[in-house]
Amino acid sequence: MTGGVRSRLLKLAPVVTGLVLFAASCASNAPQDTFKPEGPAARKIDNLIVPIFGVAGIVFVLIIGGAIFIAWKFRARDDDDYNEMPKQVHGHFKAEIGWTIAPALVLLVVGALTVNLIFELAKKPSKEAVHVEVYGQQWWWEYRYDLNGDGDYTDIITANDLVIPAGREVALRIRSRDVIHSWWAPRLNGKKDAVPGRVHPLTIEADKPGEYIGQCTEFCGLSHAEMRIKVVAVTDSEYEAWTKHQQEPFQKPTTQAAINGWGAFAGQCTMCHELTGMIDPTSADDPRDATEKYAFPKEKMQVSGEAPNLLHFMTRSTFAGAKFDLRKDTPECNKLGTTWASTDEGIAKCLNRTDLESWLRNPPSMKAMHPGDTPSPESRGMPNLDLSEDQIDDLVAFLTTLK
């Protein structure tokens, strides 16, 4: 490649890069597009930010246009021009007052509108609002519901999918268990940080039933980009049915494969995962006595709380911090909503068995740690438990009973 060709390519590189970035910003199906609000709070933000961007665009054009005009009009035309000083305007009272007051007025208007919106968004939610406590953790979100308003956020404990009724305010209390995270569902409201030791309120509301995608927006470690958010808005009747179902107790599996998986889960997974109501250590229902295939000590279990509570796991549409679809992403399966796994036919048709089995087979290769990494007390994410293929099959059989 000659020097001239190389020089021309280098000059074209910024232009090509700019065009590629511009094209990428014009995606027609962008689930995290903040300029497509679908809730009252997000719409108020949009109604403010769009005019401000318009004003900023006008200011940008005027300044850049003026700079280009002056550079062209007063450019040096011959060698003598380089020695001639331009006319000085220092001390021009009207000009100096003008370019001081004009930006100040623009900032004053923008600041007043912004402060007014901040106070408006900070208003207390209505008495009919749904109350949910949100915990950020490396690298997933937990949701705890207070259904009767008594301040006890343990009526429902779930993860990954935040299920809410459409057309009704949802008062979130955002917290963190480890580092700073940031909860953001762009089409419903602005972002709010999750800070250890603090509680940050945020009110969201969805205009209509649907799924609203979000993202942790505060760098929080190795899998920050894979700490996703999914808000599932449903009708009032569907929400009532969902809350009622979520409060139903754990049901023992009945098939032998699922019973084996129950034992494997109790022995391998309860170091981190909880499954409310699954085990009474003094009961004959203890799965560790169900089969000799999985033998393990009878020390206290379910004490960590470092991983999602898996009660009614199959009512969710995602797993592993919402990175993977638990329910296949097809129109037919999505139409089933939170009840997709209520029947054996729905599970057979819609379960994303491939990703679920891959996750159980080697979680670090899919998220958080890298393949070959040796878990340590400082490790984050689900470690590789070296499960056999039989154990994986049994665990899937057990997990599919958690409806």
Protein backbone atom coordinates (compact mmCIF):
# COMPACT_ATOMS: atom_id res chain seq x y z
CA MET A 1 0.00 0.00 0.00
CA THR A 2 1.47 3.35 -1.04
CA GLY A 3 1.81 6.28 1.31
CA GLY A 4 -0.82 8.28 -0.61
CA VAL A 5 -3.42 5.52 -0.40
CA ARG A 6 -2.68 4.99 3.27
CA SER A 7 -3.08 8.72 3.93
CA ARG A 8 -6.44 8.83 2.15
CA LEU A 9 -7.70 5.81 4.09
CA LEU A 10 -6.68 7.37 7.39
CA LYS A 11 -8.59 10.52 6.44
CA LEU A 12 -11.67 8.48 5.59
CA ALA A 13 -11.56 6.42 8.80
CA PRO A 14 -13.27 9.03 11.04
CA VAL A 15 -16.00 9.56 8.44
CA VAL A 16 -16.65 5.82 8.09
CA THR A 17 -16.64 5.36 11.86
CA GLY A 18 -19.13 8.20 12.26
CA LEU A 19 -21.43 6.74 9.62
CA VAL A 20 -21.31 3.29 11.24
CA LEU A 21 -22.14 4.74 14.66
CA PHE A 22 -24.96 6.80 13.16
CA ALA A 23 -26.41 3.74 11.41
CA ALA A 24 -26.21 1.74 14.65
CA SER A 25 -28.18 4.45 16.45
CA CYS A 26 -31.03 4.13 13.96
CA ALA A 27 -32.10 0.61 14.96
CA SER A 28 -35.82 0.13 14.40
CA ASN A 29 -36.22 -2.42 17.21
CA ALA A 30 -34.33 -1.03 20.19
CA PRO A 31 -35.95 -2.25 23.44
CA GLN A 32 -33.90 0.18 25.54
CA ASP A 33 -34.70 3.26 23.45
CA THR A 34 -35.21 6.06 25.96
CA PHE A 35 -36.92 8.17 23.28
CA LYS A 36 -39.88 5.78 23.13
CA PRO A 37 -41.49 6.30 26.56
CA GLU A 38 -44.28 3.95 27.60
CA GLY A 39 -44.99 5.26 31.09
CA PRO A 40 -45.97 8.60 32.69
CA ALA A 41 -42.56 9.26 34.30
CA ALA A 42 -40.60 8.38 31.16
CA ARG A 43 -42.94 10.55 29.09
CA LYS A 44 -42.35 13.56 31.36
CA ILE A 45 -38.61 13.09 30.98
CA ASP A 46 -38.99 12.78 27.22
CA ASN A 47 -41.13 15.94 27.06
CA LEU A 48 -38.29 17.83 28.75
CA ILE A 49 -35.24 16.31 27.11
CA VAL A 50 -36.43 16.55 23.50
CA PRO A 51 -36.89 20.37 23.56
CA ILE A 52 -33.59 20.73 25.43
CA PHE A 53 -31.84 18.67 22.76
CA GLY A 54 -33.49 20.95 20.19
CA VAL A 55 -32.14 24.05 21.90
CA ALA A 56 -28.72 22.43 22.27
CA GLY A 57 -28.78 21.55 18.56
CA ILE A 58 -29.55 25.15 17.60
CA VAL A 59 -26.75 26.43 19.85
CA PHE A 60 -24.37 23.87 18.36
CA VAL A 61 -25.21 24.90 14.78
CA LEU A 62 -24.89 28.61 15.58
CA ILE A 63 -21.52 28.23 17.30
CA ILE A 64 -19.97 25.82 14.80
CA GLY A 65 -21.50 27.70 11.88
CA GLY A 66 -20.20 31.01 13.24
CA ALA A 67 -16.73 29.56 13.80
CA ILE A 68 -16.59 28.15 10.25
CA PHE A 69 -17.90 31.43 8.78
CA ILE A 70 -15.32 33.52 10.65
CA ALA A 71 -12.49 31.13 9.77
CA TRP A 72 -13.43 31.30 6.09
CA LYS A 73 -14.21 35.03 5.87
CA PHE A 74 -11.10 36.16 7.69
CA ARG A 75 -8.70 33.54 6.41
CA ALA A 76 -5.19 34.62 5.37
CA ARG A 77 -5.13 35.32 1.63
CA ASP A 78 -1.47 36.18 1.26
CA ASP A 79 1.72 36.44 3.31
CA ASP A 80 0.92 39.97 4.46
CA ASP A 81 -2.26 38.78 6.17
CA TYR A 82 -0.20 36.73 8.61
CA ASN A 83 1.40 39.91 9.94
CA GLU A 84 -1.78 41.91 10.26
CA MET A 85 -3.55 41.85 13.62
CA PRO A 86 -7.34 41.50 13.44
CA LYS A 87 -9.52 44.26 14.80
CA GLN A 88 -9.83 43.87 18.57
CA VAL A 89 -13.24 44.04 20.27
CA HIS A 90 -12.06 43.84 23.89
CA GLY A 91 -14.07 46.26 25.96
CA HIS A 92 -17.07 46.14 23.62
CA PHE A 93 -19.68 46.46 26.36
CA LYS A 94 -22.76 45.40 24.39
CA ALA A 95 -21.05 42.36 22.86
CA GLU A 96 -19.66 41.16 26.19
CA ILE A 97 -23.00 41.62 27.99
CA GLY A 98 -24.78 39.85 25.15
CA TRP A 99 -22.67 36.73 25.07
CA THR A 100 -22.78 36.54 28.87
CA ILE A 101 -26.51 37.06 29.39
CA ALA A 102 -27.76 34.92 26.49
CA PRO A 103 -26.17 31.62 27.69
CA ALA A 104 -27.14 32.45 31.28
CA LEU A 105 -30.80 32.85 30.26
CA VAL A 106 -30.75 29.57 28.36
CA LEU A 107 -29.24 27.74 31.36
CA LEU A 108 -31.70 29.42 33.73
CA VAL A 109 -34.72 28.21 31.73
CA VAL A 110 -33.30 24.70 31.33
CA GLY A 111 -32.37 24.55 35.03
CA ALA A 112 -35.80 25.73 36.19
CA LEU A 113 -37.60 23.17 34.02
CA THR A 114 -35.24 20.40 35.16
CA VAL A 115 -35.59 21.18 38.88
CA ASN A 116 -39.38 21.34 38.52
CA LEU A 117 -39.40 17.89 36.87
CA ILE A 118 -37.12 16.45 39.57
CA PHE A 119 -39.59 17.51 42.27
CA GLU A 120 -42.51 16.21 40.21
CA LEU A 121 -40.90 12.79 39.78
CA ALA A 122 -40.08 12.67 43.50
CA LYS A 123 -43.75 12.90 44.55
CA LYS A 124 -44.99 10.10 46.76
CA PRO A 125 -46.82 7.32 44.91
CA SER A 126 -50.55 6.87 45.31
CA LYS A 127 -52.11 4.68 48.01
CA GLU A 128 -52.98 2.09 45.36
CA ALA A 129 -49.35 1.67 44.35
CA VAL A 130 -47.64 -1.73 44.37
CA HIS A 131 -44.67 -1.79 46.76
CA VAL A 132 -41.53 -3.69 45.76
CA GLU A 133 -38.06 -3.79 47.29
CA VAL A 134 -35.30 -4.15 44.70
CA TYR A 135 -31.90 -5.60 45.63
CA GLY A 136 -28.94 -5.30 43.29
CA GLN A 137 -26.34 -8.01 43.64
CA GLN A 138 -23.46 -9.26 41.49
CA TRP A 139 -24.93 -9.87 38.94
CA TRP A 140 -28.71 -10.12 39.21
CA TRP A 141 -31.74 -8.34 40.67
CA GLU A 142 -34.02 -9.63 43.42
CA TYR A 143 -37.58 -8.37 43.87
CA ARG A 144 -39.44 -8.54 47.19
CA TYR A 145 -43.13 -7.62 47.34
CA ASP A 146 -45.12 -6.09 50.18
CA LEU A 147 -48.68 -6.94 49.15
CA ASN A 148 -50.59 -5.66 52.18
CA GLY A 149 -48.61 -2.52 52.98
CA ASP A 150 -47.40 -3.68 56.40
CA GLY A 151 -43.75 -2.93 55.59
CA ASP A 152 -42.80 -6.61 55.39
CA TYR A 153 -41.27 -7.21 51.96
CA THR A 154 -41.35 -10.99 52.11
CA ASP A 155 -44.84 -11.76 50.76
CA ILE A 156 -43.23 -12.69 47.44
CA ILE A 157 -39.51 -13.14 46.76
CA THR A 158 -38.51 -13.57 43.15
CA ALA A 159 -35.72 -12.59 40.73
CA ASN A 160 -34.94 -11.44 37.20
CA ASP A 161 -38.54 -10.71 36.08
CA LEU A 162 -40.28 -7.81 37.84
CA VAL A 163 -43.98 -8.48 37.33
CA ILE A 164 -46.25 -5.42 37.71
CA PRO A 165 -49.84 -4.48 36.85
CA ALA A 166 -50.12 -2.18 33.83
CA GLY A 167 -51.64 1.25 34.43
CA ARG A 168 -50.80 1.26 38.14
CA GLU A 169 -47.96 2.93 40.00
CA VAL A 170 -45.20 0.71 41.39
CA ALA A 171 -43.14 2.14 44.25
CA LEU A 172 -39.64 0.67 44.20
CA ARG A 173 -37.18 0.75 47.12
CA ILE A 174 -33.81 0.21 45.46
CA ARG A 175 -30.96 -1.23 47.53
CA SER A 176 -27.67 -3.11 47.12
CA ARG A 177 -26.07 -6.06 48.87
CA ASP A 178 -22.52 -5.49 47.67
CA VAL A 179 -21.32 -2.70 45.35
CA ILE A 180 -23.05 0.22 43.63
CA HIS A 181 -25.46 -0.83 40.88
CA SER A 182 -27.98 1.24 38.92
CA TRP A 183 -31.52 0.15 38.00
CA TRP A 184 -32.83 1.51 34.70
CA ALA A 185 -35.80 0.53 32.55
CA PRO A 186 -35.56 3.39 30.01
CA ARG A 187 -39.14 3.27 28.74
CA LEU A 188 -40.61 3.52 32.25
CA ASN A 189 -38.45 6.08 34.12
CA GLY A 190 -34.93 7.37 34.62
CA LYS A 191 -32.18 5.43 36.32
CA LYS A 192 -31.67 5.12 40.07
CA ASP A 193 -28.51 3.96 41.82
CA ALA A 194 -28.51 1.00 44.21
CA VAL A 195 -26.04 1.96 46.95
CA PRO A 196 -25.01 -0.26 49.90
CA GLY A 197 -26.55 0.99 53.15
CA ARG A 198 -29.04 3.32 51.41
CA VAL A 199 -32.60 3.10 50.11
CA HIS A 200 -33.43 5.02 46.93
CA PRO A 201 -37.11 5.35 45.91
CA LEU A 202 -38.28 5.20 42.31
CA THR A 203 -41.83 5.09 40.95
CA ILE A 204 -42.56 3.36 37.65
CA GLU A 205 -45.74 2.71 35.72
CA ALA A 206 -46.36 0.98 32.40
CA ASP A 207 -49.02 2.30 30.04
CA LYS A 208 -50.03 -1.15 28.82
CA PRO A 209 -49.15 -4.84 29.22
CA GLY A 210 -45.83 -5.83 27.71
CA GLU A 211 -42.17 -6.45 28.44
CA TYR A 212 -39.84 -3.54 29.18
CA ILE A 213 -36.12 -4.23 28.99
CA GLY A 214 -33.49 -2.51 31.11
CA GLN A 215 -29.90 -2.73 32.23
CA CYS A 216 -27.64 -2.10 35.20
CA THR A 217 -25.95 1.18 34.25
CA GLU A 218 -23.30 1.44 36.96
CA PHE A 219 -20.13 -0.60 36.38
CA CYS A 220 -20.31 -3.24 39.10
CA GLY A 221 -17.75 -5.86 38.18
CA LEU A 222 -16.89 -8.54 35.66
CA SER A 223 -20.44 -9.29 34.44
CA HIS A 224 -21.86 -5.78 34.67
CA ALA A 225 -22.95 -5.78 31.03
CA GLU A 226 -24.83 -9.05 31.61
CA MET A 227 -26.83 -7.81 34.61
CA ARG A 228 -30.07 -7.22 32.81
CA ILE A 229 -33.54 -6.06 33.82
CA LYS A 230 -36.92 -7.23 32.59
CA VAL A 231 -40.18 -5.63 33.68
CA VAL A 232 -43.26 -7.66 32.77
CA ALA A 233 -46.47 -5.60 32.83
CA VAL A 234 -49.70 -7.61 32.88
CA THR A 235 -53.42 -6.90 33.24
CA ASP A 236 -54.94 -6.46 36.70
CA SER A 237 -56.55 -9.90 36.59
CA GLU A 238 -53.32 -11.54 35.47
CA TYR A 239 -51.41 -9.73 38.22
CA GLU A 240 -53.86 -10.89 40.89
CA ALA A 241 -53.59 -14.45 39.63
CA TRP A 242 -49.77 -14.19 39.57
CA THR A 243 -49.51 -12.85 43.14
CA LYS A 244 -51.86 -15.56 44.40
CA HIS A 245 -49.86 -18.27 42.66
CA GLN A 246 -46.52 -16.92 43.91
CA GLN A 247 -47.72 -17.34 47.51
CA GLU A 248 -48.57 -21.00 47.05
CA PRO A 249 -46.20 -23.34 48.95
CA PHE A 250 -43.59 -25.61 47.48
CA GLN A 251 -44.99 -28.83 46.00
CA LYS A 252 -42.98 -32.04 46.25
CA PRO A 253 -42.06 -33.66 42.94
CA THR A 254 -43.61 -37.01 42.14
CA THR A 255 -41.62 -38.55 39.29
CA GLN A 256 -38.42 -40.43 40.09
CA ALA A 257 -36.24 -38.19 37.90
CA ALA A 258 -37.59 -35.07 39.62
CA ILE A 259 -37.13 -36.66 43.06
CA ASN A 260 -33.52 -37.44 42.17
CA GLY A 261 -33.14 -33.84 41.04
CA TRP A 262 -34.67 -32.69 44.32
CA GLY A 263 -31.96 -34.57 46.16
CA ALA A 264 -29.25 -33.19 43.88
CA PHE A 265 -30.57 -29.66 44.37
CA ALA A 266 -30.60 -30.03 48.15
CA GLY A 267 -27.06 -31.36 48.15
CA GLN A 268 -25.41 -29.18 45.54
CA CYS A 269 -27.39 -25.96 45.12
CA THR A 270 -28.70 -24.88 48.52
CA MET A 271 -25.30 -23.58 49.56
CA CYS A 272 -26.38 -20.46 47.66
CA HIS A 273 -29.93 -20.85 46.35
CA GLU A 274 -33.05 -20.69 48.46
CA LEU A 275 -36.35 -22.36 47.70
CA THR A 276 -38.88 -21.15 50.24
CA GLY A 277 -40.61 -23.98 52.05
CA MET A 278 -38.66 -26.71 50.31
CA ILE A 279 -37.12 -28.43 53.32
CA ASP A 280 -37.92 -29.12 56.92
CA PRO A 281 -34.75 -30.82 58.20
CA THR A 282 -36.74 -32.77 60.82
CA SER A 283 -39.30 -34.01 58.32
CA ALA A 284 -39.44 -37.35 56.58
CA ASP A 285 -39.86 -35.33 53.40
CA ASP A 286 -36.17 -34.44 53.45
CA PRO A 287 -35.04 -35.23 49.87
CA ARG A 288 -31.69 -36.43 51.13
CA ASP A 289 -33.45 -39.59 52.26
CA ALA A 290 -35.30 -39.99 48.95
CA THR A 291 -32.57 -41.84 47.11
CA GLU A 292 -29.16 -43.34 47.76
CA LYS A 293 -27.93 -41.86 44.49
CA TYR A 294 -27.10 -38.56 46.18
CA ALA A 295 -25.58 -38.98 49.62
CA PHE A 296 -24.50 -35.92 51.59
CA PRO A 297 -24.27 -34.70 55.19
CA LYS A 298 -27.34 -33.35 56.98
CA GLU A 299 -25.91 -30.02 58.14
CA LYS A 300 -28.08 -26.90 58.00
CA MET A 301 -28.91 -25.77 54.47
CA GLN A 302 -30.34 -22.74 52.65
CA VAL A 303 -28.43 -20.15 54.61
CA SER A 304 -26.47 -18.24 51.96
CA GLY A 305 -28.97 -16.09 50.13
CA GLU A 306 -26.31 -15.26 47.54
CA ALA A 307 -28.37 -16.58 44.64
CA PRO A 308 -32.01 -16.23 43.52
CA ASN A 309 -34.86 -17.84 45.39
CA LEU A 310 -36.14 -20.48 42.96
CA LEU A 311 -39.68 -20.97 44.28
CA HIS A 312 -41.98 -20.88 41.22
CA PHE A 313 -38.92 -20.69 39.00
CA MET A 314 -40.92 -21.77 35.95
CA THR A 315 -43.18 -18.71 36.08
CA ARG A 316 -40.20 -16.57 35.01
CA SER A 317 -39.11 -15.95 31.45
CA THR A 318 -35.38 -15.50 32.11
CA PHE A 319 -32.58 -16.83 34.32
CA ALA A 320 -28.92 -16.08 35.17
CA GLY A 321 -29.49 -12.38 35.77
CA ALA A 322 -31.97 -12.22 32.87
CA LYS A 323 -29.14 -12.96 30.43
CA PHE A 324 -30.77 -16.11 29.05
CA ASP A 325 -34.34 -16.87 28.07
CA LEU A 326 -35.93 -19.58 30.18
CA ARG A 327 -39.02 -19.37 27.98
CA LYS A 328 -38.26 -19.55 24.27
CA ASP A 329 -38.56 -16.15 22.64
CA THR A 330 -41.26 -17.00 20.10
CA PRO A 331 -44.64 -15.27 19.57
CA GLU A 332 -46.49 -18.44 20.54
CA CYS A 333 -44.56 -18.88 23.80
CA ASN A 334 -44.47 -15.18 24.68
CA LYS A 335 -48.25 -15.05 24.36
CA LEU A 336 -48.52 -17.51 27.27
CA GLY A 337 -46.91 -14.94 29.59
CA THR A 338 -46.21 -15.97 33.18
CA THR A 339 -48.32 -19.15 32.81
CA TRP A 340 -46.20 -20.62 30.01
CA ALA A 341 -45.04 -23.56 32.15
CA SER A 342 -48.38 -24.31 33.81
CA THR A 343 -48.84 -27.36 31.59
CA ASP A 344 -46.54 -30.16 30.43
CA GLU A 345 -47.34 -29.15 26.85
CA GLY A 346 -46.19 -25.58 27.53
CA ILE A 347 -42.93 -26.80 29.06
CA ALA A 348 -42.25 -29.19 26.17
CA LYS A 349 -42.93 -26.45 23.63
CA CYS A 350 -41.41 -23.40 25.29
CA LEU A 351 -38.64 -24.43 27.72
CA ASN A 352 -35.22 -23.27 26.52
CA ARG A 353 -33.68 -26.54 27.60
CA THR A 354 -30.47 -26.01 25.62
CA ASP A 355 -29.35 -22.90 27.50
CA LEU A 356 -30.60 -24.21 30.85
CA GLU A 357 -28.59 -27.42 30.52
CA SER A 358 -25.53 -25.51 29.29
CA TRP A 359 -25.78 -23.25 32.33
CA LEU A 360 -25.90 -26.21 34.72
CA ARG A 361 -23.06 -27.89 32.86
CA ASN A 362 -20.60 -24.98 33.10
CA PRO A 363 -21.91 -21.63 34.41
CA PRO A 364 -18.53 -19.80 34.42
CA SER A 365 -18.20 -20.32 30.67
CA MET A 366 -21.47 -18.48 30.15
CA LYS A 367 -21.28 -15.66 32.70
CA ALA A 368 -19.07 -14.05 35.36
CA MET A 369 -15.97 -16.26 35.57
CA HIS A 370 -14.04 -17.52 32.58
CA PRO A 371 -13.61 -21.20 31.64
CA GLY A 372 -10.88 -22.78 33.72
CA ASP A 373 -11.09 -20.22 36.52
CA THR A 374 -10.86 -21.80 39.94
CA PRO A 375 -13.62 -20.52 42.26
CA SER A 376 -12.37 -18.83 45.43
CA PRO A 377 -14.03 -17.02 48.35
CA GLU A 378 -13.63 -13.83 46.30
CA SER A 379 -15.28 -15.35 43.21
CA ARG A 380 -18.64 -14.10 42.04
CA GLY A 381 -21.19 -15.93 39.96
CA MET A 382 -22.28 -19.54 39.92
CA PRO A 383 -19.29 -21.94 40.01
CA ASN A 384 -18.91 -25.11 37.98
CA LEU A 385 -20.26 -27.93 40.17
CA ASP A 386 -18.96 -30.62 37.81
CA LEU A 387 -22.39 -32.17 37.48
CA SER A 388 -22.76 -35.37 35.53
CA GLU A 389 -25.15 -35.51 32.58
CA ASP A 390 -27.51 -37.67 34.67
CA GLN A 391 -27.51 -35.05 37.43
CA ILE A 392 -28.21 -32.30 34.90
CA ASP A 393 -31.15 -34.25 33.48
CA ASP A 394 -32.50 -34.86 36.99
CA LEU A 395 -32.07 -31.22 37.99
CA VAL A 396 -33.94 -30.03 34.89
CA ALA A 397 -36.70 -32.49 35.72
CA PHE A 398 -36.88 -31.03 39.24
CA LEU A 399 -36.71 -27.39 38.13
CA THR A 400 -39.61 -27.90 35.73
CA THR A 401 -41.80 -28.88 38.72
CA LEU A 402 -41.29 -25.42 40.28
CA LYS A 403 -44.37 -23.98 38.60
